[in-house]
Amino acid sequence: MNVKLIAGALIMSAAAAVPGAQSGAPNGDEIARTIAIAEKVGTTEPLTEAERQYSFGLRLLDRQGPVITSIQGPLNRIFTDARSAKARRTPYTAASVSDAAREAAITTIAIPNNTYQFWDSRGPVRVSEVLFKVFRSGSKDPQVIHPSNGCQFSPLEYKKPSGETYKSQLASCKFPLDLFSSPGARFEVVVVHDQGEWSRALQPEELRLVK
């Protein structure tokens, strides 16, 4: 698996939206439009005004800390898959979209960050869990939300210029699409890994940001 390709594809997007913009699984028109935009991004063909304003849904990407964390809705995942297919010069149509990518769920993807300052001495982290903490006004302790069916792990391999190889993995974890719908609440995404725990507070303006 090409980690650089995946991480690069996760960065790319083209629109902004508010939480809850994706209320369910995407329909055929939304899928077709998302794929069409993904095909145009990065080419000499300019996006139309309508394409620039098209909302993919909730998305946040954070490259800080020992992991690269991406939070995506269904259309974000379809966009990412379409971009990856284009980079591999592989045809990608609505028929290529997997059932998992169509699901009305938020997917949190954690990829070990190969720019992590301790990468040479400790190697890339191995993620064991991703969860969210919800802090509500008047409540002393946060609500902890775990992925409904745990996380799925895919093996990754990092090779240093010296030839030394590290084994690691990509973690994909699904959460309900209405996760961020609680008014007045604040959130943290937490990634548990073998070198400790990394957390990131999510600001309201970031939760509206898709690009």
C-alpha atoms as a PDB file:
ATOM      1  CA  MET A   1       0.000   0.000   0.000  1.00  0.00           C
ATOM      2  CA  ASN A   2       1.369   3.402  -0.962  1.00  0.00           C
ATOM      3  CA  VAL A   3       1.149   5.429   2.256  1.00  0.00           C
ATOM      4  CA  LYS A   4       2.276   8.675   0.641  1.00  0.00           C
ATOM      5  CA  LEU A   5      -0.433   8.331  -1.994  1.00  0.00           C
ATOM      6  CA  ILE A   6      -3.146   7.775   0.608  1.00  0.00           C
ATOM      7  CA  ALA A   7      -2.003  10.627   2.823  1.00  0.00           C
ATOM      8  CA  GLY A   8      -1.804  12.947  -0.178  1.00  0.00           C
ATOM      9  CA  ALA A   9      -5.255  11.967  -1.369  1.00  0.00           C
ATOM     10  CA  LEU A  10      -6.733  12.620   2.052  1.00  0.00           C
ATOM     11  CA  ILE A  11      -5.512  16.216   1.903  1.00  0.00           C
ATOM     12  CA  MET A  12      -7.342  17.016  -1.301  1.00  0.00           C
ATOM     13  CA  SER A  13     -10.914  18.333  -1.265  1.00  0.00           C
ATOM     14  CA  ALA A  14     -12.789  21.223  -2.794  1.00  0.00           C
ATOM     15  CA  ALA A  15     -15.723  22.492  -0.751  1.00  0.00           C
ATOM     16  CA  ALA A  16     -17.061  23.559   2.642  1.00  0.00           C
ATOM     17  CA  ALA A  17     -20.108  22.427   4.604  1.00  0.00           C
ATOM     18  CA  VAL A  18     -21.684  22.396   8.036  1.00  0.00           C
ATOM     19  CA  PRO A  19     -22.098  19.352  10.296  1.00  0.00           C
ATOM     20  CA  GLY A  20     -25.114  17.265   9.344  1.00  0.00           C
ATOM     21  CA  ALA A  21     -24.836  18.176   5.647  1.00  0.00           C
ATOM     22  CA  GLN A  22     -24.793  14.451   4.909  1.00  0.00           C
ATOM     23  CA  SER A  23     -27.936  13.158   6.590  1.00  0.00           C
ATOM     24  CA  GLY A  24     -27.792   9.685   5.084  1.00  0.00           C
ATOM     25  CA  ALA A  25     -26.166   7.492   2.494  1.00  0.00           C
ATOM     26  CA  PRO A  26     -25.339   9.443  -0.689  1.00  0.00           C
ATOM     27  CA  ASN A  27     -27.624   9.049  -3.709  1.00  0.00           C
ATOM     28  CA  GLY A  28     -26.554   8.309  -7.269  1.00  0.00           C
ATOM     29  CA  ASP A  29     -26.426  11.976  -8.349  1.00  0.00           C
ATOM     30  CA  GLU A  30     -24.234  12.914  -5.376  1.00  0.00           C
ATOM     31  CA  ILE A  31     -21.870  10.029  -6.062  1.00  0.00           C
ATOM     32  CA  ALA A  32     -21.585  10.902  -9.771  1.00  0.00           C
ATOM     33  CA  ARG A  33     -20.965  14.581  -9.030  1.00  0.00           C
ATOM     34  CA  THR A  34     -18.339  13.783  -6.394  1.00  0.00           C
ATOM     35  CA  ILE A  35     -16.465  11.472  -8.765  1.00  0.00           C
ATOM     36  CA  ALA A  36     -16.616  14.092 -11.535  1.00  0.00           C
ATOM     37  CA  ILE A  37     -15.073  16.725  -9.235  1.00  0.00           C
ATOM     38  CA  ALA A  38     -12.389  14.294  -8.069  1.00  0.00           C
ATOM     39  CA  GLU A  39     -11.510  13.634 -11.718  1.00  0.00           C
ATOM     40  CA  LYS A  40     -11.049  17.382 -12.369  1.00  0.00           C
ATOM     41  CA  VAL A  41      -9.113  18.397  -9.252  1.00  0.00           C
ATOM     42  CA  GLY A  42      -5.426  18.767 -10.026  1.00  0.00           C
ATOM     43  CA  THR A  43      -5.951  19.015 -13.798  1.00  0.00           C
ATOM     44  CA  THR A  44      -5.942  22.012 -16.112  1.00  0.00           C
ATOM     45  CA  GLU A  45      -9.734  21.822 -16.358  1.00  0.00           C
ATOM     46  CA  PRO A  46     -11.149  24.466 -13.979  1.00  0.00           C
ATOM     47  CA  LEU A  47     -13.930  23.707 -11.518  1.00  0.00           C
ATOM     48  CA  THR A  48     -17.231  25.468 -12.195  1.00  0.00           C
ATOM     49  CA  GLU A  49     -18.691  27.738  -9.522  1.00  0.00           C
ATOM     50  CA  ALA A  50     -21.275  25.070  -8.686  1.00  0.00           C
ATOM     51  CA  GLU A  51     -18.520  22.469  -8.293  1.00  0.00           C
ATOM     52  CA  ARG A  52     -16.501  24.768  -6.034  1.00  0.00           C
ATOM     53  CA  GLN A  53     -19.543  25.264  -3.795  1.00  0.00           C
ATOM     54  CA  TYR A  54     -20.549  21.593  -3.751  1.00  0.00           C
ATOM     55  CA  SER A  55     -20.594  20.258  -0.184  1.00  0.00           C
ATOM     56  CA  PHE A  56     -19.083  16.834   0.427  1.00  0.00           C
ATOM     57  CA  GLY A  57     -20.084  16.817   4.109  1.00  0.00           C
ATOM     58  CA  LEU A  58     -18.094  16.822   7.316  1.00  0.00           C
ATOM     59  CA  ARG A  59     -14.320  16.518   7.005  1.00  0.00           C
ATOM     60  CA  LEU A  60     -11.278  17.292   9.094  1.00  0.00           C
ATOM     61  CA  LEU A  61      -7.646  16.366   8.523  1.00  0.00           C
ATOM     62  CA  ASP A  62      -4.904  16.702  11.123  1.00  0.00           C
ATOM     63  CA  ARG A  63      -1.274  15.913  10.311  1.00  0.00           C
ATOM     64  CA  GLN A  64       0.106  16.792  13.770  1.00  0.00           C
ATOM     65  CA  GLY A  65       1.389  14.342  16.362  1.00  0.00           C
ATOM     66  CA  PRO A  66       2.413  10.739  15.763  1.00  0.00           C
ATOM     67  CA  VAL A  67      -0.570   9.980  13.522  1.00  0.00           C
ATOM     68  CA  ILE A  68      -2.335  11.576  10.571  1.00  0.00           C
ATOM     69  CA  THR A  69      -6.024  11.655  11.474  1.00  0.00           C
ATOM     70  CA  SER A  70      -8.792  12.138   8.923  1.00  0.00           C
ATOM     71  CA  ILE A  71     -12.509  12.367   9.741  1.00  0.00           C
ATOM     72  CA  GLN A  72     -14.729  11.764   6.721  1.00  0.00           C
ATOM     73  CA  GLY A  73     -18.348  11.303   5.721  1.00  0.00           C
ATOM     74  CA  PRO A  74     -19.437   8.972   2.859  1.00  0.00           C
ATOM     75  CA  LEU A  75     -18.846  11.467   0.031  1.00  0.00           C
ATOM     76  CA  ASN A  76     -15.399  12.303   1.407  1.00  0.00           C
ATOM     77  CA  ARG A  77     -14.498   8.628   1.258  1.00  0.00           C
ATOM     78  CA  ILE A  78     -15.801   8.347  -2.313  1.00  0.00           C
ATOM     79  CA  PHE A  79     -13.804  11.453  -3.285  1.00  0.00           C
ATOM     80  CA  THR A  80     -10.650   9.980  -1.723  1.00  0.00           C
ATOM     81  CA  ASP A  81     -11.140   6.620  -3.450  1.00  0.00           C
ATOM     82  CA  ALA A  82     -11.716   8.355  -6.795  1.00  0.00           C
ATOM     83  CA  ARG A  83      -8.570  10.474  -6.367  1.00  0.00           C
ATOM     84  CA  SER A  84      -6.527   7.398  -5.448  1.00  0.00           C
ATOM     85  CA  ALA A  85      -7.850   5.524  -8.491  1.00  0.00           C
ATOM     86  CA  LYS A  86      -6.969   8.455 -10.745  1.00  0.00           C
ATOM     87  CA  ALA A  87      -3.432   8.545  -9.324  1.00  0.00           C
ATOM     88  CA  ARG A  88      -3.117   4.834 -10.136  1.00  0.00           C
ATOM     89  CA  ARG A  89      -4.649   5.479 -13.592  1.00  0.00           C
ATOM     90  CA  THR A  90      -7.425   3.024 -12.756  1.00  0.00           C
ATOM     91  CA  PRO A  91     -10.985   3.652 -14.020  1.00  0.00           C
ATOM     92  CA  TYR A  92     -13.395   4.675 -11.244  1.00  0.00           C
ATOM     93  CA  THR A  93     -17.159   5.002 -11.721  1.00  0.00           C
ATOM     94  CA  ALA A  94     -20.263   4.850  -9.537  1.00  0.00           C
ATOM     95  CA  ALA A  95     -20.166   1.070  -9.989  1.00  0.00           C
ATOM     96  CA  SER A  96     -16.713   1.072  -8.352  1.00  0.00           C
ATOM     97  CA  VAL A  97     -18.024   2.567  -5.094  1.00  0.00           C
ATOM     98  CA  SER A  98     -18.029  -0.061  -2.365  1.00  0.00           C
ATOM     99  CA  ASP A  99     -20.958  -0.679  -0.041  1.00  0.00           C
ATOM    100  CA  ALA A 100     -18.767   0.455   2.864  1.00  0.00           C
ATOM    101  CA  ALA A 101     -18.087   3.822   1.199  1.00  0.00           C
ATOM    102  CA  ARG A 102     -21.847   4.388   0.733  1.00  0.00           C
ATOM    103  CA  GLU A 103     -22.645   3.839   4.410  1.00  0.00           C
ATOM    104  CA  ALA A 104     -24.135   6.753   6.338  1.00  0.00           C
ATOM    105  CA  ALA A 105     -21.323   6.849   8.872  1.00  0.00           C
ATOM    106  CA  ILE A 106     -18.321   8.955   9.801  1.00  0.00           C
ATOM    107  CA  THR A 107     -15.059   7.149   9.188  1.00  0.00           C
ATOM    108  CA  THR A 108     -11.989   8.129  11.195  1.00  0.00           C
ATOM    109  CA  ILE A 109      -8.752   7.049   9.556  1.00  0.00           C
ATOM    110  CA  ALA A 110      -5.495   7.033  11.517  1.00  0.00           C
ATOM    111  CA  ILE A 111      -2.260   6.641   9.552  1.00  0.00           C
ATOM    112  CA  PRO A 112       1.145   6.611  11.305  1.00  0.00           C
ATOM    113  CA  ASN A 113       2.816   9.946  10.527  1.00  0.00           C
ATOM    114  CA  ASN A 114       6.228   9.398   8.925  1.00  0.00           C
ATOM    115  CA  THR A 115       7.269  12.980   9.808  1.00  0.00           C
ATOM    116  CA  TYR A 116       6.875  12.170  13.531  1.00  0.00           C
ATOM    117  CA  GLN A 117       9.960  13.444  15.411  1.00  0.00           C
ATOM    118  CA  PHE A 118      10.668  10.070  17.062  1.00  0.00           C
ATOM    119  CA  TRP A 119      10.123   8.013  13.916  1.00  0.00           C
ATOM    120  CA  ASP A 120      13.810   7.083  13.556  1.00  0.00           C
ATOM    121  CA  SER A 121      14.231   5.983  17.159  1.00  0.00           C
ATOM    122  CA  ARG A 122      10.814   4.462  17.907  1.00  0.00           C
ATOM    123  CA  GLY A 123       9.418   3.580  14.531  1.00  0.00           C
ATOM    124  CA  PRO A 124       5.859   4.432  13.429  1.00  0.00           C
ATOM    125  CA  VAL A 125       3.159   4.021  16.060  1.00  0.00           C
ATOM    126  CA  ARG A 126       0.787   1.078  16.097  1.00  0.00           C
ATOM    127  CA  VAL A 127      -2.775   2.283  16.609  1.00  0.00           C
ATOM    128  CA  SER A 128      -5.006   0.170  18.865  1.00  0.00           C
ATOM    129  CA  GLU A 129      -8.159   2.308  19.089  1.00  0.00           C
ATOM    130  CA  VAL A 130      -9.809   5.549  17.967  1.00  0.00           C
ATOM    131  CA  LEU A 131     -12.551   7.146  20.046  1.00  0.00           C
ATOM    132  CA  PHE A 132     -14.341  10.445  20.645  1.00  0.00           C
ATOM    133  CA  LYS A 133     -14.938  12.314  23.896  1.00  0.00           C
ATOM    134  CA  VAL A 134     -18.023  14.542  24.103  1.00  0.00           C
ATOM    135  CA  PHE A 135     -17.992  17.327  26.700  1.00  0.00           C
ATOM    136  CA  ARG A 136     -21.434  18.726  27.513  1.00  0.00           C
ATOM    137  CA  SER A 137     -22.225  21.786  29.607  1.00  0.00           C
ATOM    138  CA  GLY A 138     -23.052  20.865  33.200  1.00  0.00           C
ATOM    139  CA  SER A 139     -21.594  17.376  32.899  1.00  0.00           C
ATOM    140  CA  LYS A 140     -18.502  16.612  34.994  1.00  0.00           C
ATOM    141  CA  ASP A 141     -17.146  13.746  32.913  1.00  0.00           C
ATOM    142  CA  PRO A 142     -17.082  13.449  29.125  1.00  0.00           C
ATOM    143  CA  GLN A 143     -19.089  10.835  27.262  1.00  0.00           C
ATOM    144  CA  VAL A 144     -16.758   8.398  25.543  1.00  0.00           C
ATOM    145  CA  ILE A 145     -17.933   7.103  22.160  1.00  0.00           C
ATOM    146  CA  HIS A 146     -16.254   4.022  20.728  1.00  0.00           C
ATOM    147  CA  PRO A 147     -16.680   2.802  17.138  1.00  0.00           C
ATOM    148  CA  SER A 148     -19.693   0.533  16.883  1.00  0.00           C
ATOM    149  CA  ASN A 149     -17.784  -2.484  15.564  1.00  0.00           C
ATOM    150  CA  GLY A 150     -14.263  -1.643  16.664  1.00  0.00           C
ATOM    151  CA  CYS A 151     -11.580  -0.575  14.199  1.00  0.00           C
ATOM    152  CA  GLN A 152     -10.412  -2.365  11.086  1.00  0.00           C
ATOM    153  CA  PHE A 153      -6.646  -2.519  10.670  1.00  0.00           C
ATOM    154  CA  SER A 154      -4.756  -2.820   7.407  1.00  0.00           C
ATOM    155  CA  PRO A 155      -1.025  -3.611   7.394  1.00  0.00           C
ATOM    156  CA  LEU A 156       1.412  -0.921   6.334  1.00  0.00           C
ATOM    157  CA  GLU A 157       5.136  -1.134   5.767  1.00  0.00           C
ATOM    158  CA  TYR A 158       7.616   1.710   6.132  1.00  0.00           C
ATOM    159  CA  LYS A 159      11.064   1.342   4.592  1.00  0.00           C
ATOM    160  CA  LYS A 160      13.912   3.677   5.597  1.00  0.00           C
ATOM    161  CA  PRO A 161      16.652   4.714   3.112  1.00  0.00           C
ATOM    162  CA  SER A 162      18.953   2.334   4.983  1.00  0.00           C
ATOM    163  CA  GLY A 163      16.682  -0.510   3.985  1.00  0.00           C
ATOM    164  CA  GLU A 164      15.362  -1.081   7.515  1.00  0.00           C
ATOM    165  CA  THR A 165      11.656  -1.913   7.470  1.00  0.00           C
ATOM    166  CA  TYR A 166       9.008  -1.083  10.078  1.00  0.00           C
ATOM    167  CA  LYS A 167       5.687  -2.881  10.259  1.00  0.00           C
ATOM    168  CA  SER A 168       2.683  -0.736  11.177  1.00  0.00           C
ATOM    169  CA  GLN A 169      -0.980  -0.356  10.260  1.00  0.00           C
ATOM    170  CA  LEU A 170      -3.754   1.931   9.127  1.00  0.00           C
ATOM    171  CA  ALA A 171      -6.826   2.055  11.392  1.00  0.00           C
ATOM    172  CA  SER A 172     -10.314   2.711   9.966  1.00  0.00           C
ATOM    173  CA  CYS A 173     -13.099   3.191  12.527  1.00  0.00           C
ATOM    174  CA  LYS A 174     -16.784   3.992  11.888  1.00  0.00           C
ATOM    175  CA  PHE A 175     -19.023   6.208  13.992  1.00  0.00           C
ATOM    176  CA  PRO A 176     -22.688   7.286  13.576  1.00  0.00           C
ATOM    177  CA  LEU A 177     -23.155  10.201  11.182  1.00  0.00           C
ATOM    178  CA  ASP A 178     -24.949  12.274  13.845  1.00  0.00           C
ATOM    179  CA  LEU A 179     -21.944  12.118  16.191  1.00  0.00           C
ATOM    180  CA  PHE A 180     -21.417  15.902  16.142  1.00  0.00           C
ATOM    181  CA  SER A 181     -25.070  16.923  16.279  1.00  0.00           C
ATOM    182  CA  SER A 182     -25.200  17.772  20.023  1.00  0.00           C
ATOM    183  CA  PRO A 183     -25.630  21.583  20.292  1.00  0.00           C
ATOM    184  CA  GLY A 184     -23.235  23.352  22.648  1.00  0.00           C
ATOM    185  CA  ALA A 185     -20.995  20.309  23.098  1.00  0.00           C
ATOM    186  CA  ARG A 186     -17.288  20.192  22.407  1.00  0.00           C
ATOM    187  CA  PHE A 187     -15.395  17.185  21.153  1.00  0.00           C
ATOM    188  CA  GLU A 188     -12.023  15.479  21.172  1.00  0.00           C
ATOM    189  CA  VAL A 189     -10.783  12.753  18.878  1.00  0.00           C
ATOM    190  CA  VAL A 190      -8.440  10.361  20.686  1.00  0.00           C
ATOM    191  CA  VAL A 191      -6.035   7.902  19.081  1.00  0.00           C
ATOM    192  CA  VAL A 192      -4.663   5.216  21.410  1.00  0.00           C
ATOM    193  CA  HIS A 193      -1.372   3.709  20.283  1.00  0.00           C
ATOM    194  CA  ASP A 194       1.618   1.761  21.567  1.00  0.00           C
ATOM    195  CA  GLN A 195       3.593   4.900  22.418  1.00  0.00           C
ATOM    196  CA  GLY A 196       0.810   6.481  24.454  1.00  0.00           C
ATOM    197  CA  GLU A 197      -2.326   8.433  23.576  1.00  0.00           C
ATOM    198  CA  TRP A 198      -2.792  11.360  21.194  1.00  0.00           C
ATOM    199  CA  SER A 199      -5.826  13.635  21.401  1.00  0.00           C
ATOM    200  CA  ARG A 200      -7.054  16.612  19.454  1.00  0.00           C
ATOM    201  CA  ALA A 201      -9.821  19.056  20.451  1.00  0.00           C
ATOM    202  CA  LEU A 202     -12.227  19.794  17.596  1.00  0.00           C
ATOM    203  CA  GLN A 203     -13.267  23.440  17.310  1.00  0.00           C
ATOM    204  CA  PRO A 204     -16.760  24.337  15.960  1.00  0.00           C
ATOM    205  CA  GLU A 205     -15.307  26.183  12.969  1.00  0.00           C
ATOM    206  CA  GLU A 206     -13.178  23.146  12.085  1.00  0.00           C
ATOM    207  CA  LEU A 207     -16.212  20.894  12.155  1.00  0.00           C
ATOM    208  CA  ARG A 208     -17.739  23.081   9.442  1.00  0.00           C
ATOM    209  CA  LEU A 209     -14.616  22.849   7.315  1.00  0.00           C
ATOM    210  CA  VAL A 210     -14.442  20.318   4.532  1.00  0.00           C
ATOM    211  CA  LYS A 211     -11.537  21.491   2.388  1.00  0.00           C
END
